[in-house]
Amino acid sequence: MKPWASHEIMVATLAKQGEAVLDNLTPEYVDLWHAATGVCTEAGELLDCIKKTVIYNKPLDVNNIIEELDDLEFYITQVRLNLKIKRWLILQRNMKKLYKRYAEGYSDQAAQQRADKA
């Protein structure tokens, strides 16, 4: 295959067309997409709130952090409900993974080695 003449031509050639995306949409996929978009949006808002304290030395706005966390909970729950995943399963798997990764407690070495991925 010849190299593309420009990055724009490559993107235009490789990007999935909107019509093809629309052809595969179902109400369930739209709901899942909405929920995942909400998770990303609220996570960005949480990060922005904390950035203002760390970078701009503004007072920590705990009320705003709580608001962003409750928004995150909403959208995470929407994802779980859409996929019929129970919250306890997520928490159980997370605990199992982190226990394996940090069996002796946190260390940079354990974080880098990620024993749960071996």
PDB file of N, CA and C in Angstrom:
ATOM      1  N   MET A   1       0.850  -1.176   0.000  1.00  0.00           N
ATOM      2  CA  MET A   1       0.000   0.000   0.000  1.00  0.00           C
ATOM      3  C   MET A   1       0.894   1.237   0.000  1.00  0.00           C
ATOM      4  N   LYS A   2       0.580   2.199  -0.831  1.00  0.00           N
ATOM      5  CA  LYS A   2       1.347   3.441  -0.900  1.00  0.00           C
ATOM      6  C   LYS A   2       1.031   4.307   0.316  1.00  0.00           C
ATOM      7  N   PRO A   3       2.024   5.092   0.746  1.00  0.00           N
ATOM      8  CA  PRO A   3       1.726   6.025   1.844  1.00  0.00           C
ATOM      9  C   PRO A   3       0.727   7.084   1.378  1.00  0.00           C
ATOM     10  N   TRP A   4      -0.059   7.579   2.305  1.00  0.00           N
ATOM     11  CA  TRP A   4      -1.032   8.611   1.973  1.00  0.00           C
ATOM     12  C   TRP A   4      -0.328   9.933   1.708  1.00  0.00           C
ATOM     13  N   ALA A   5      -0.953  10.765   0.898  1.00  0.00           N
ATOM     14  CA  ALA A   5      -0.378  12.065   0.550  1.00  0.00           C
ATOM     15  C   ALA A   5      -0.375  13.019   1.740  1.00  0.00           C
ATOM     16  N   SER A   6      -1.321  12.847   2.638  1.00  0.00           N
ATOM     17  CA  SER A   6      -1.371  13.716   3.819  1.00  0.00           C
ATOM     18  C   SER A   6      -2.090  12.981   4.949  1.00  0.00           C
ATOM     19  N   HIS A   7      -1.929  13.515   6.132  1.00  0.00           N
ATOM     20  CA  HIS A   7      -2.615  12.947   7.303  1.00  0.00           C
ATOM     21  C   HIS A   7      -4.122  13.065   7.124  1.00  0.00           C
ATOM     22  N   GLU A   8      -4.591  14.174   6.581  1.00  0.00           N
ATOM     23  CA  GLU A   8      -6.018  14.384   6.372  1.00  0.00           C
ATOM     24  C   GLU A   8      -6.606  13.335   5.430  1.00  0.00           C
ATOM     25  N   ILE A   9      -5.874  13.004   4.365  1.00  0.00           N
ATOM     26  CA  ILE A   9      -6.354  11.984   3.432  1.00  0.00           C
ATOM     27  C   ILE A   9      -6.390  10.621   4.119  1.00  0.00           C
ATOM     28  N   MET A  10      -5.377  10.320   4.927  1.00  0.00           N
ATOM     29  CA  MET A  10      -5.362   9.055   5.657  1.00  0.00           C
ATOM     30  C   MET A  10      -6.579   8.954   6.578  1.00  0.00           C
ATOM     31  N   VAL A  11      -6.838  10.015   7.343  1.00  0.00           N
ATOM     32  CA  VAL A  11      -7.975  10.000   8.269  1.00  0.00           C
ATOM     33  C   VAL A  11      -9.277   9.854   7.501  1.00  0.00           C
ATOM     34  N   ALA A  12      -9.442  10.610   6.441  1.00  0.00           N
ATOM     35  CA  ALA A  12     -10.666  10.532   5.643  1.00  0.00           C
ATOM     36  C   ALA A  12     -10.853   9.136   5.051  1.00  0.00           C
ATOM     37  N   THR A  13      -9.757   8.468   4.735  1.00  0.00           N
ATOM     38  CA  THR A  13      -9.815   7.126   4.156  1.00  0.00           C
ATOM     39  C   THR A  13     -10.141   6.068   5.202  1.00  0.00           C
ATOM     40  N   LEU A  14      -9.580   6.219   6.406  1.00  0.00           N
ATOM     41  CA  LEU A  14      -9.694   5.168   7.421  1.00  0.00           C
ATOM     42  C   LEU A  14     -10.849   5.344   8.392  1.00  0.00           C
ATOM     43  N   ALA A  15     -11.310   6.549   8.590  1.00  0.00           N
ATOM     44  CA  ALA A  15     -12.357   6.796   9.592  1.00  0.00           C
ATOM     45  C   ALA A  15     -13.658   6.102   9.190  1.00  0.00           C
ATOM     46  N   LYS A  16     -14.278   5.453  10.166  1.00  0.00           N
ATOM     47  CA  LYS A  16     -15.572   4.821   9.917  1.00  0.00           C
ATOM     48  C   LYS A  16     -16.602   5.910   9.625  1.00  0.00           C
ATOM     49  N   GLN A  17     -17.347   5.730   8.581  1.00  0.00           N
ATOM     50  CA  GLN A  17     -18.328   6.724   8.158  1.00  0.00           C
ATOM     51  C   GLN A  17     -19.521   6.746   9.114  1.00  0.00           C
ATOM     52  N   GLY A  18     -20.075   7.933   9.294  1.00  0.00           N
ATOM     53  CA  GLY A  18     -21.211   8.106  10.191  1.00  0.00           C
ATOM     54  C   GLY A  18     -22.381   7.202   9.850  1.00  0.00           C
ATOM     55  N   GLU A  19     -22.630   6.985   8.574  1.00  0.00           N
ATOM     56  CA  GLU A  19     -23.741   6.125   8.166  1.00  0.00           C
ATOM     57  C   GLU A  19     -23.540   4.695   8.675  1.00  0.00           C
ATOM     58  N   ALA A  20     -22.299   4.225   8.643  1.00  0.00           N
ATOM     59  CA  ALA A  20     -22.015   2.871   9.118  1.00  0.00           C
ATOM     60  C   ALA A  20     -22.220   2.772  10.632  1.00  0.00           C
ATOM     61  N   VAL A  21     -21.871   3.835  11.336  1.00  0.00           N
ATOM     62  CA  VAL A  21     -22.105   3.855  12.787  1.00  0.00           C
ATOM     63  C   VAL A  21     -23.603   3.838  13.047  1.00  0.00           C
ATOM     64  N   LEU A  22     -24.338   4.683  12.350  1.00  0.00           N
ATOM     65  CA  LEU A  22     -25.798   4.752  12.537  1.00  0.00           C
ATOM     66  C   LEU A  22     -26.480   3.419  12.253  1.00  0.00           C
ATOM     67  N   ASP A  23     -25.999   2.702  11.249  1.00  0.00           N
ATOM     68  CA  ASP A  23     -26.608   1.419  10.886  1.00  0.00           C
ATOM     69  C   ASP A  23     -26.561   0.408  12.027  1.00  0.00           C
ATOM     70  N   ASN A  24     -25.572   0.534  12.914  1.00  0.00           N
ATOM     71  CA  ASN A  24     -25.407  -0.428  14.005  1.00  0.00           C
ATOM     72  C   ASN A  24     -25.962   0.052  15.339  1.00  0.00           C
ATOM     73  N   LEU A  25     -26.501   1.269  15.367  1.00  0.00           N
ATOM     74  CA  LEU A  25     -26.993   1.797  16.638  1.00  0.00           C
ATOM     75  C   LEU A  25     -28.305   1.140  17.040  1.00  0.00           C
ATOM     76  N   THR A  26     -28.382   0.855  18.323  1.00  0.00           N
ATOM     77  CA  THR A  26     -29.622   0.385  18.933  1.00  0.00           C
ATOM     78  C   THR A  26     -29.893   1.322  20.115  1.00  0.00           C
ATOM     79  N   PRO A  27     -31.104   1.329  20.635  1.00  0.00           N
ATOM     80  CA  PRO A  27     -31.348   2.152  21.824  1.00  0.00           C
ATOM     81  C   PRO A  27     -30.404   1.786  22.980  1.00  0.00           C
ATOM     82  N   GLU A  28     -30.073   0.502  23.121  1.00  0.00           N
ATOM     83  CA  GLU A  28     -29.163   0.070  24.194  1.00  0.00           C
ATOM     84  C   GLU A  28     -27.755   0.641  23.979  1.00  0.00           C
ATOM     85  N   TYR A  29     -27.277   0.625  22.731  1.00  0.00           N
ATOM     86  CA  TYR A  29     -25.962   1.190  22.440  1.00  0.00           C
ATOM     87  C   TYR A  29     -25.942   2.700  22.666  1.00  0.00           C
ATOM     88  N   VAL A  30     -27.011   3.384  22.313  1.00  0.00           N
ATOM     89  CA  VAL A  30     -27.080   4.826  22.524  1.00  0.00           C
ATOM     90  C   VAL A  30     -27.049   5.124  24.021  1.00  0.00           C
ATOM     91  N   ASP A  31     -27.790   4.349  24.819  1.00  0.00           N
ATOM     92  CA  ASP A  31     -27.791   4.534  26.270  1.00  0.00           C
ATOM     93  C   ASP A  31     -26.394   4.289  26.841  1.00  0.00           C
ATOM     94  N   LEU A  32     -25.737   3.232  26.381  1.00  0.00           N
ATOM     95  CA  LEU A  32     -24.386   2.917  26.850  1.00  0.00           C
ATOM     96  C   LEU A  32     -23.416   4.026  26.461  1.00  0.00           C
ATOM     97  N   TRP A  33     -23.528   4.504  25.238  1.00  0.00           N
ATOM     98  CA  TRP A  33     -22.670   5.593  24.758  1.00  0.00           C
ATOM     99  C   TRP A  33     -22.888   6.855  25.599  1.00  0.00           C
ATOM    100  N   HIS A  34     -24.156   7.159  25.869  1.00  0.00           N
ATOM    101  CA  HIS A  34     -24.485   8.319  26.697  1.00  0.00           C
ATOM    102  C   HIS A  34     -23.848   8.180  28.073  1.00  0.00           C
ATOM    103  N   ALA A  35     -23.972   7.004  28.676  1.00  0.00           N
ATOM    104  CA  ALA A  35     -23.418   6.789  30.009  1.00  0.00           C
ATOM    105  C   ALA A  35     -21.896   6.907  30.009  1.00  0.00           C
ATOM    106  N   ALA A  36     -21.232   6.299  29.042  1.00  0.00           N
ATOM    107  CA  ALA A  36     -19.774   6.363  28.971  1.00  0.00           C
ATOM    108  C   ALA A  36     -19.297   7.793  28.725  1.00  0.00           C
ATOM    109  N   THR A  37     -20.037   8.532  27.908  1.00  0.00           N
ATOM    110  CA  THR A  37     -19.709   9.941  27.672  1.00  0.00           C
ATOM    111  C   THR A  37     -19.852  10.728  28.970  1.00  0.00           C
ATOM    112  N   GLY A  38     -20.903  10.430  29.729  1.00  0.00           N
ATOM    113  CA  GLY A  38     -21.100  11.093  31.016  1.00  0.00           C
ATOM    114  C   GLY A  38     -19.969  10.801  31.983  1.00  0.00           C
ATOM    115  N   VAL A  39     -19.497   9.554  32.030  1.00  0.00           N
ATOM    116  CA  VAL A  39     -18.371   9.201  32.905  1.00  0.00           C
ATOM    117  C   VAL A  39     -17.157  10.055  32.542  1.00  0.00           C
ATOM    118  N   CYS A  40     -16.849  10.113  31.257  1.00  0.00           N
ATOM    119  CA  CYS A  40     -15.674  10.886  30.809  1.00  0.00           C
ATOM    120  C   CYS A  40     -15.827  12.365  31.114  1.00  0.00           C
ATOM    121  N   THR A  41     -17.000  12.911  30.870  1.00  0.00           N
ATOM    122  CA  THR A  41     -17.251  14.333  31.103  1.00  0.00           C
ATOM    123  C   THR A  41     -17.112  14.675  32.579  1.00  0.00           C
ATOM    124  N   GLU A  42     -17.743  13.880  33.425  1.00  0.00           N
ATOM    125  CA  GLU A  42     -17.696  14.158  34.865  1.00  0.00           C
ATOM    126  C   GLU A  42     -16.299  13.936  35.426  1.00  0.00           C
ATOM    127  N   ALA A  43     -15.569  12.954  34.908  1.00  0.00           N
ATOM    128  CA  ALA A  43     -14.184  12.740  35.347  1.00  0.00           C
ATOM    129  C   ALA A  43     -13.333  13.955  34.989  1.00  0.00           C
ATOM    130  N   GLY A  44     -13.574  14.519  33.808  1.00  0.00           N
ATOM    131  CA  GLY A  44     -12.861  15.741  33.413  1.00  0.00           C
ATOM    132  C   GLY A  44     -13.196  16.910  34.319  1.00  0.00           C
ATOM    133  N   GLU A  45     -14.449  17.021  34.715  1.00  0.00           N
ATOM    134  CA  GLU A  45     -14.858  18.104  35.620  1.00  0.00           C
ATOM    135  C   GLU A  45     -14.234  17.914  37.002  1.00  0.00           C
ATOM    136  N   LEU A  46     -14.136  16.671  37.467  1.00  0.00           N
ATOM    137  CA  LEU A  46     -13.473  16.392  38.746  1.00  0.00           C
ATOM    138  C   LEU A  46     -12.000  16.783  38.666  1.00  0.00           C
ATOM    139  N   LEU A  47     -11.344  16.388  37.590  1.00  0.00           N
ATOM    140  CA  LEU A  47      -9.933  16.720  37.402  1.00  0.00           C
ATOM    141  C   LEU A  47      -9.730  18.235  37.347  1.00  0.00           C
ATOM    142  N   ASP A  48     -10.615  18.936  36.660  1.00  0.00           N
ATOM    143  CA  ASP A  48     -10.507  20.389  36.565  1.00  0.00           C
ATOM    144  C   ASP A  48     -10.637  21.034  37.942  1.00  0.00           C
ATOM    145  N   CYS A  49     -11.541  20.533  38.749  1.00  0.00           N
ATOM    146  CA  CYS A  49     -11.730  21.062  40.099  1.00  0.00           C
ATOM    147  C   CYS A  49     -10.448  20.903  40.926  1.00  0.00           C
ATOM    148  N   ILE A  50      -9.837  19.739  40.846  1.00  0.00           N
ATOM    149  CA  ILE A  50      -8.614  19.485  41.607  1.00  0.00           C
ATOM    150  C   ILE A  50      -7.437  20.263  41.019  1.00  0.00           C
ATOM    151  N   LYS A  51      -7.399  20.396  39.685  1.00  0.00           N
ATOM    152  CA  LYS A  51      -6.346  21.181  39.020  1.00  0.00           C
ATOM    153  C   LYS A  51      -6.341  22.606  39.541  1.00  0.00           C
ATOM    154  N   LYS A  52      -7.503  23.184  39.756  1.00  0.00           N
ATOM    155  CA  LYS A  52      -7.577  24.574  40.221  1.00  0.00           C
ATOM    156  C   LYS A  52      -6.909  24.734  41.584  1.00  0.00           C
ATOM    157  N   THR A  53      -6.975  23.695  42.413  1.00  0.00           N
ATOM    158  CA  THR A  53      -6.309  23.743  43.711  1.00  0.00           C
ATOM    159  C   THR A  53      -4.814  23.517  43.557  1.00  0.00           C
ATOM    160  N   VAL A  54      -4.434  22.475  42.823  1.00  0.00           N
ATOM    161  CA  VAL A  54      -3.019  22.104  42.713  1.00  0.00           C
ATOM    162  C   VAL A  54      -2.230  23.126  41.898  1.00  0.00           C
ATOM    163  N   ILE A  55      -2.773  23.576  40.786  1.00  0.00           N
ATOM    164  CA  ILE A  55      -2.032  24.451  39.878  1.00  0.00           C
ATOM    165  C   ILE A  55      -2.245  25.930  40.192  1.00  0.00           C
ATOM    166  N   TYR A  56      -3.479  26.322  40.488  1.00  0.00           N
ATOM    167  CA  TYR A  56      -3.771  27.746  40.689  1.00  0.00           C
ATOM    168  C   TYR A  56      -3.813  28.144  42.166  1.00  0.00           C
ATOM    169  N   ASN A  57      -3.580  27.186  43.064  1.00  0.00           N
ATOM    170  CA  ASN A  57      -3.576  27.443  44.510  1.00  0.00           C
ATOM    171  C   ASN A  57      -4.894  28.010  45.022  1.00  0.00           C
ATOM    172  N   LYS A  58      -6.013  27.622  44.374  1.00  0.00           N
ATOM    173  CA  LYS A  58      -7.326  28.015  44.864  1.00  0.00           C
ATOM    174  C   LYS A  58      -7.711  27.076  46.006  1.00  0.00           C
ATOM    175  N   PRO A  59      -8.580  27.516  46.895  1.00  0.00           N
ATOM    176  CA  PRO A  59      -9.032  26.612  47.958  1.00  0.00           C
ATOM    177  C   PRO A  59      -9.729  25.376  47.370  1.00  0.00           C
ATOM    178  N   LEU A  60      -9.538  24.247  48.005  1.00  0.00           N
ATOM    179  CA  LEU A  60     -10.170  23.010  47.555  1.00  0.00           C
ATOM    180  C   LEU A  60     -11.681  23.126  47.712  1.00  0.00           C
ATOM    181  N   ASP A  61     -12.403  22.919  46.637  1.00  0.00           N
ATOM    182  CA  ASP A  61     -13.865  23.032  46.631  1.00  0.00           C
ATOM    183  C   ASP A  61     -14.462  21.636  46.841  1.00  0.00           C
ATOM    184  N   VAL A  62     -14.532  21.229  48.097  1.00  0.00           N
ATOM    185  CA  VAL A  62     -15.002  19.889  48.433  1.00  0.00           C
ATOM    186  C   VAL A  62     -16.443  19.682  47.984  1.00  0.00           C
ATOM    187  N   ASN A  63     -17.266  20.722  48.084  1.00  0.00           N
ATOM    188  CA  ASN A  63     -18.659  20.579  47.640  1.00  0.00           C
ATOM    189  C   ASN A  63     -18.725  20.267  46.148  1.00  0.00           C
ATOM    190  N   ASN A  64     -17.883  20.901  45.346  1.00  0.00           N
ATOM    191  CA  ASN A  64     -17.854  20.615  43.918  1.00  0.00           C
ATOM    192  C   ASN A  64     -17.319  19.209  43.660  1.00  0.00           C
ATOM    193  N   ILE A  65     -16.327  18.791  44.425  1.00  0.00           N
ATOM    194  CA  ILE A  65     -15.798  17.425  44.279  1.00  0.00           C
ATOM    195  C   ILE A  65     -16.896  16.415  44.575  1.00  0.00           C
ATOM    196  N   ILE A  66     -17.655  16.640  45.630  1.00  0.00           N
ATOM    197  CA  ILE A  66     -18.767  15.747  45.962  1.00  0.00           C
ATOM    198  C   ILE A  66     -19.777  15.718  44.820  1.00  0.00           C
ATOM    199  N   GLU A  67     -20.076  16.882  44.264  1.00  0.00           N
ATOM    200  CA  GLU A  67     -21.031  16.948  43.152  1.00  0.00           C
ATOM    201  C   GLU A  67     -20.528  16.147  41.955  1.00  0.00           C
ATOM    202  N   GLU A  68     -19.248  16.288  41.627  1.00  0.00           N
ATOM    203  CA  GLU A  68     -18.699  15.539  40.480  1.00  0.00           C
ATOM    204  C   GLU A  68     -18.662  14.043  40.780  1.00  0.00           C
ATOM    205  N   LEU A  69     -18.340  13.664  42.012  1.00  0.00           N
ATOM    206  CA  LEU A  69     -18.344  12.240  42.379  1.00  0.00           C
ATOM    207  C   LEU A  69     -19.748  11.662  42.305  1.00  0.00           C
ATOM    208  N   ASP A  70     -20.760  12.432  42.731  1.00  0.00           N
ATOM    209  CA  ASP A  70     -22.115  11.861  42.646  1.00  0.00           C
ATOM    210  C   ASP A  70     -22.579  11.775  41.199  1.00  0.00           C
ATOM    211  N   ASP A  71     -22.140  12.711  40.355  1.00  0.00           N
ATOM    212  CA  ASP A  71     -22.436  12.605  38.925  1.00  0.00           C
ATOM    213  C   ASP A  71     -21.751  11.377  38.324  1.00  0.00           C
ATOM    214  N   LEU A  72     -20.493  11.135  38.725  1.00  0.00           N
ATOM    215  CA  LEU A  72     -19.777   9.941  38.259  1.00  0.00           C
ATOM    216  C   LEU A  72     -20.510   8.670  38.678  1.00  0.00           C
ATOM    217  N   GLU A  73     -20.959   8.633  39.925  1.00  0.00           N
ATOM    218  CA  GLU A  73     -21.714   7.460  40.405  1.00  0.00           C
ATOM    219  C   GLU A  73     -22.945   7.218  39.538  1.00  0.00           C
ATOM    220  N   PHE A  74     -23.635   8.297  39.187  1.00  0.00           N
ATOM    221  CA  PHE A  74     -24.827   8.174  38.348  1.00  0.00           C
ATOM    222  C   PHE A  74     -24.485   7.491  37.029  1.00  0.00           C
ATOM    223  N   TYR A  75     -23.477   8.027  36.332  1.00  0.00           N
ATOM    224  CA  TYR A  75     -23.155   7.494  35.008  1.00  0.00           C
ATOM    225  C   TYR A  75     -22.517   6.106  35.072  1.00  0.00           C
ATOM    226  N   ILE A  76     -21.719   5.849  36.098  1.00  0.00           N
ATOM    227  CA  ILE A  76     -21.149   4.501  36.262  1.00  0.00           C
ATOM    228  C   ILE A  76     -22.274   3.496  36.508  1.00  0.00           C
ATOM    229  N   THR A  77     -23.238   3.886  37.322  1.00  0.00           N
ATOM    230  CA  THR A  77     -24.385   3.003  37.567  1.00  0.00           C
ATOM    231  C   THR A  77     -25.169   2.781  36.282  1.00  0.00           C
ATOM    232  N   GLN A  78     -25.310   3.821  35.463  1.00  0.00           N
ATOM    233  CA  GLN A  78     -26.008   3.675  34.183  1.00  0.00           C
ATOM    234  C   GLN A  78     -25.280   2.667  33.286  1.00  0.00           C
ATOM    235  N   VAL A  79     -23.953   2.709  33.256  1.00  0.00           N
ATOM    236  CA  VAL A  79     -23.186   1.724  32.477  1.00  0.00           C
ATOM    237  C   VAL A  79     -23.448   0.319  33.015  1.00  0.00           C
ATOM    238  N   ARG A  80     -23.338   0.167  34.340  1.00  0.00           N
ATOM    239  CA  ARG A  80     -23.542  -1.162  34.939  1.00  0.00           C
ATOM    240  C   ARG A  80     -24.940  -1.688  34.663  1.00  0.00           C
ATOM    241  N   LEU A  81     -25.958  -0.843  34.806  1.00  0.00           N
ATOM    242  CA  LEU A  81     -27.331  -1.278  34.559  1.00  0.00           C
ATOM    243  C   LEU A  81     -27.520  -1.690  33.103  1.00  0.00           C
ATOM    244  N   ASN A  82     -26.944  -0.925  32.198  1.00  0.00           N
ATOM    245  CA  ASN A  82     -27.061  -1.231  30.783  1.00  0.00           C
ATOM    246  C   ASN A  82     -26.464  -2.592  30.463  1.00  0.00           C
ATOM    247  N   LEU A  83     -25.379  -2.932  31.137  1.00  0.00           N
ATOM    248  CA  LEU A  83     -24.679  -4.192  30.867  1.00  0.00           C
ATOM    249  C   LEU A  83     -25.027  -5.294  31.868  1.00  0.00           C
ATOM    250  N   LYS A  84     -25.949  -4.974  32.789  1.00  0.00           N
ATOM    251  CA  LYS A  84     -26.396  -5.938  33.804  1.00  0.00           C
ATOM    252  C   LYS A  84     -25.228  -6.469  34.642  1.00  0.00           C
ATOM    253  N   ILE A  85     -24.378  -5.531  35.087  1.00  0.00           N
ATOM    254  CA  ILE A  85     -23.229  -5.864  35.934  1.00  0.00           C
ATOM    255  C   ILE A  85     -23.542  -5.360  37.339  1.00  0.00           C
ATOM    256  N   LYS A  86     -23.447  -6.230  38.315  1.00  0.00           N
ATOM    257  CA  LYS A  86     -23.721  -5.865  39.709  1.00  0.00           C
ATOM    258  C   LYS A  86     -22.524  -5.129  40.316  1.00  0.00           C
ATOM    259  N   ARG A  87     -22.814  -4.135  41.128  1.00  0.00           N
ATOM    260  CA  ARG A  87     -21.748  -3.337  41.760  1.00  0.00           C
ATOM    261  C   ARG A  87     -20.834  -4.204  42.613  1.00  0.00           C
ATOM    262  N   TRP A  88     -21.396  -5.161  43.340  1.00  0.00           N
ATOM    263  CA  TRP A  88     -20.573  -6.004  44.202  1.00  0.00           C
ATOM    264  C   TRP A  88     -19.534  -6.778  43.402  1.00  0.00           C
ATOM    265  N   LEU A  89     -19.869  -7.149  42.159  1.00  0.00           N
ATOM    266  CA  LEU A  89     -18.924  -7.879  41.322  1.00  0.00           C
ATOM    267  C   LEU A  89     -17.729  -6.991  40.967  1.00  0.00           C
ATOM    268  N   ILE A  90     -17.998  -5.745  40.629  1.00  0.00           N
ATOM    269  CA  ILE A  90     -16.925  -4.805  40.308  1.00  0.00           C
ATOM    270  C   ILE A  90     -16.016  -4.620  41.524  1.00  0.00           C
ATOM    271  N   LEU A  91     -16.627  -4.398  42.692  1.00  0.00           N
ATOM    272  CA  LEU A  91     -15.835  -4.182  43.901  1.00  0.00           C
ATOM    273  C   LEU A  91     -15.030  -5.424  44.264  1.00  0.00           C
ATOM    274  N   GLN A  92     -15.644  -6.594  44.153  1.00  0.00           N
ATOM    275  CA  GLN A  92     -14.960  -7.852  44.470  1.00  0.00           C
ATOM    276  C   GLN A  92     -13.758  -8.066  43.551  1.00  0.00           C
ATOM    277  N   ARG A  93     -13.944  -7.850  42.263  1.00  0.00           N
ATOM    278  CA  ARG A  93     -12.847  -8.034  41.302  1.00  0.00           C
ATOM    279  C   ARG A  93     -11.734  -7.020  41.542  1.00  0.00           C
ATOM    280  N   ASN A  94     -12.107  -5.792  41.873  1.00  0.00           N
ATOM    281  CA  ASN A  94     -11.106  -4.771  42.143  1.00  0.00           C
ATOM    282  C   ASN A  94     -10.272  -5.142  43.367  1.00  0.00           C
ATOM    283  N   MET A  95     -10.941  -5.617  44.413  1.00  0.00           N
ATOM    284  CA  MET A  95     -10.224  -6.007  45.629  1.00  0.00           C
ATOM    285  C   MET A  95      -9.287  -7.186  45.357  1.00  0.00           C
ATOM    286  N   LYS A  96      -9.754  -8.166  44.607  1.00  0.00           N
ATOM    287  CA  LYS A  96      -8.928  -9.328  44.272  1.00  0.00           C
ATOM    288  C   LYS A  96      -7.700  -8.907  43.470  1.00  0.00           C
ATOM    289  N   LYS A  97      -7.908  -8.051  42.481  1.00  0.00           N
ATOM    290  CA  LYS A  97      -6.811  -7.576  41.630  1.00  0.00           C
ATOM    291  C   LYS A  97      -5.772  -6.818  42.458  1.00  0.00           C
ATOM    292  N   LEU A  98      -6.235  -5.888  43.288  1.00  0.00           N
ATOM    293  CA  LEU A  98      -5.296  -5.067  44.041  1.00  0.00           C
ATOM    294  C   LEU A  98      -4.619  -5.847  45.163  1.00  0.00           C
ATOM    295  N   TYR A  99      -5.296  -6.834  45.729  1.00  0.00           N
ATOM    296  CA  TYR A  99      -4.651  -7.684  46.734  1.00  0.00           C
ATOM    297  C   TYR A  99      -3.498  -8.449  46.091  1.00  0.00           C
ATOM    298  N   LYS A 100      -3.723  -8.958  44.896  1.00  0.00           N
ATOM    299  CA  LYS A 100      -2.670  -9.695  44.207  1.00  0.00           C
ATOM    300  C   LYS A 100      -1.522  -8.760  43.833  1.00  0.00           C
ATOM    301  N   ARG A 101      -1.865  -7.569  43.355  1.00  0.00           N
ATOM    302  CA  ARG A 101      -0.837  -6.612  42.934  1.00  0.00           C
ATOM    303  C   ARG A 101      -0.036  -6.093  44.114  1.00  0.00           C
ATOM    304  N   TYR A 102      -0.708  -5.850  45.235  1.00  0.00           N
ATOM    305  CA  TYR A 102      -0.057  -5.234  46.393  1.00  0.00           C
ATOM    306  C   TYR A 102      -0.149  -6.126  47.624  1.00  0.00           C
ATOM    307  N   ALA A 103       0.189  -7.386  47.482  1.00  0.00           N
ATOM    308  CA  ALA A 103       0.082  -8.355  48.582  1.00  0.00           C
ATOM    309  C   ALA A 103       0.889  -7.926  49.805  1.00  0.00           C
ATOM    310  N   GLU A 104       1.976  -7.223  49.583  1.00  0.00           N
ATOM    311  CA  GLU A 104       2.822  -6.749  50.691  1.00  0.00           C
ATOM    312  C   GLU A 104       2.610  -5.267  50.965  1.00  0.00           C
ATOM    313  N   GLY A 105       1.574  -4.688  50.399  1.00  0.00           N
ATOM    314  CA  GLY A 105       1.337  -3.256  50.525  1.00  0.00           C
ATOM    315  C   GLY A 105       1.859  -2.532  49.300  1.00  0.00           C
ATOM    316  N   TYR A 106       1.525  -1.258  49.196  1.00  0.00           N
ATOM    317  CA  TYR A 106       1.922  -0.502  48.018  1.00  0.00           C
ATOM    318  C   TYR A 106       3.428  -0.318  47.964  1.00  0.00           C
ATOM    319  N   SER A 107       3.965  -0.458  46.764  1.00  0.00           N
ATOM    320  CA  SER A 107       5.333  -0.040  46.460  1.00  0.00           C
ATOM    321  C   SER A 107       5.370   0.310  44.982  1.00  0.00           C
ATOM    322  N   ASP A 108       6.301   1.189  44.623  1.00  0.00           N
ATOM    323  CA  ASP A 108       6.446   1.537  43.212  1.00  0.00           C
ATOM    324  C   ASP A 108       6.782   0.293  42.391  1.00  0.00           C
ATOM    325  N   GLN A 109       7.611  -0.573  42.955  1.00  0.00           N
ATOM    326  CA  GLN A 109       7.999  -1.798  42.252  1.00  0.00           C
ATOM    327  C   GLN A 109       6.774  -2.677  41.976  1.00  0.00           C
ATOM    328  N   ALA A 110       5.919  -2.859  42.982  1.00  0.00           N
ATOM    329  CA  ALA A 110       4.708  -3.672  42.790  1.00  0.00           C
ATOM    330  C   ALA A 110       3.784  -3.022  41.762  1.00  0.00           C
ATOM    331  N   ALA A 111       3.719  -1.697  41.781  1.00  0.00           N
ATOM    332  CA  ALA A 111       2.873  -0.992  40.806  1.00  0.00           C
ATOM    333  C   ALA A 111       3.395  -1.193  39.392  1.00  0.00           C
ATOM    334  N   GLN A 112       4.698  -1.224  39.245  1.00  0.00           N
ATOM    335  CA  GLN A 112       5.298  -1.408  37.927  1.00  0.00           C
ATOM    336  C   GLN A 112       5.230  -2.854  37.463  1.00  0.00           C
ATOM    337  N   GLN A 113       5.403  -3.799  38.378  1.00  0.00           N
ATOM    338  CA  GLN A 113       5.421  -5.218  38.010  1.00  0.00           C
ATOM    339  C   GLN A 113       4.013  -5.775  37.750  1.00  0.00           C
ATOM    340  N   ARG A 114       3.024  -5.227  38.406  1.00  0.00           N
ATOM    341  CA  ARG A 114       1.622  -5.624  38.202  1.00  0.00           C
ATOM    342  C   ARG A 114       1.454  -7.144  38.213  1.00  0.00           C
ATOM    343  N   ALA A 115       1.674  -7.744  39.357  1.00  0.00           N
ATOM    344  CA  ALA A 115       1.601  -9.208  39.504  1.00  0.00           C
ATOM    345  C   ALA A 115       0.260  -9.759  39.049  1.00  0.00           C
ATOM    346  N   ASP A 116      -0.794  -8.965  39.119  1.00  0.00           N
ATOM    347  CA  ASP A 116      -2.111  -9.432  38.691  1.00  0.00           C
ATOM    348  C   ASP A 116      -2.184  -9.616  37.177  1.00  0.00           C
ATOM    349  N   LYS A 117      -1.238  -9.081  36.436  1.00  0.00           N
ATOM    350  CA  LYS A 117      -1.229  -9.211  34.978  1.00  0.00           C
ATOM    351  C   LYS A 117      -0.327 -10.341  34.511  1.00  0.00           C
ATOM    352  N   ALA A 118       0.427 -10.929  35.426  1.00  0.00           N
ATOM    353  CA  ALA A 118       1.372 -12.000  35.040  1.00  0.00           C
ATOM    354  C   ALA A 118       0.648 -13.279  34.688  1.00  0.00           C
TER     355      ALA A 118
END
